[in-house]
Amino acid sequence: MDEEQRAQIARDEEIARQWDEEERQRAMSEAKSTKKIDWNDPSVIRYLALKETKDNCPGKEKYDSNT
């Protein structure tokens, strides 16, 4: 492996580290911006019940393409 290839590998590694850091920062900012879920909220309970019903209904594969 010559010096030019080593330099290219080093540049590639630095770019990968920067990209990983940017992705981590983005993921953390998204996690911080999410709301806390009130699991006792009637609309949340209704949503979960409907989702559970849809997941267990016959012919659910026709619904899976919409999710």
Protein backbone atom coordinates (compact mmCIF):
# COMPACT_ATOMS: atom_id res chain seq x y z
CA MET A 1 0.00 0.00 0.00
CA ASP A 2 1.56 3.27 -1.03
CA GLU A 3 1.42 6.62 0.71
CA GLU A 4 -1.38 7.96 -1.50
CA GLN A 5 -3.65 5.02 -0.65
CA ARG A 6 -2.96 5.47 3.08
CA ALA A 7 -3.80 9.17 2.83
CA GLN A 8 -7.06 8.33 1.01
CA ILE A 9 -7.99 5.80 3.68
CA ALA A 10 -7.25 8.35 6.41
CA ARG A 11 -9.47 10.94 4.65
CA ASP A 12 -12.24 8.38 4.25
CA GLU A 13 -12.06 7.47 7.94
CA GLU A 14 -12.28 11.14 8.95
CA ILE A 15 -15.30 11.69 6.69
CA ALA A 16 -16.97 8.60 8.19
CA ARG A 17 -16.31 9.88 11.74
CA GLN A 18 -17.77 13.28 10.89
CA TRP A 19 -20.81 11.71 9.28
CA ASP A 20 -21.36 9.44 12.30
CA GLU A 21 -21.12 12.45 14.63
CA GLU A 22 -23.61 14.43 12.52
CA GLU A 23 -26.04 11.50 12.47
CA ARG A 24 -25.71 11.07 16.24
CA GLN A 25 -26.36 14.77 16.80
CA ARG A 26 -29.38 14.68 14.47
CA ALA A 27 -30.81 11.64 16.21
CA MET A 28 -30.32 13.24 19.63
CA SER A 29 -32.02 16.46 18.55
CA GLU A 30 -34.97 14.50 17.17
CA ALA A 31 -35.24 12.52 20.39
CA LYS A 32 -35.23 15.72 22.44
CA SER A 33 -37.95 17.27 20.28
CA THR A 34 -40.43 14.43 20.73
CA LYS A 35 -43.32 14.89 23.08
CA LYS A 36 -43.86 12.76 26.11
CA ILE A 37 -46.72 10.37 25.55
CA ASP A 38 -49.54 10.35 28.07
CA TRP A 39 -50.44 6.66 27.97
CA ASN A 40 -53.68 7.38 29.86
CA ASP A 41 -54.91 9.86 27.24
CA PRO A 42 -58.12 8.47 25.69
CA SER A 43 -56.95 9.30 22.14
CA VAL A 44 -53.71 7.33 22.71
CA ILE A 45 -55.64 4.38 24.11
CA ARG A 46 -58.06 4.51 21.17
CA TYR A 47 -55.17 4.64 18.67
CA LEU A 48 -53.46 1.65 20.27
CA ALA A 49 -56.71 -0.33 20.37
CA LEU A 50 -57.38 0.38 16.69
CA LYS A 51 -53.82 -0.51 15.77
CA GLU A 52 -54.06 -3.76 17.73
CA THR A 53 -57.34 -4.58 15.97
CA LYS A 54 -55.86 -3.85 12.55
CA ASP A 55 -52.76 -5.94 13.30
CA ASN A 56 -54.88 -8.97 14.24
CA CYS A 57 -57.62 -8.75 11.62
CA PRO A 58 -57.89 -11.23 8.77
CA GLY A 59 -56.61 -9.83 5.52
CA LYS A 60 -54.26 -7.42 7.29
CA GLU A 61 -51.80 -7.65 4.41
CA LYS A 62 -54.00 -5.27 2.43
CA TYR A 63 -53.48 -2.69 5.18
CA ASP A 64 -49.74 -3.27 5.52
CA SER A 65 -49.01 -1.53 2.23
CA ASN A 66 -50.52 1.70 3.64
CA THR A 67 -48.31 1.83 6.73
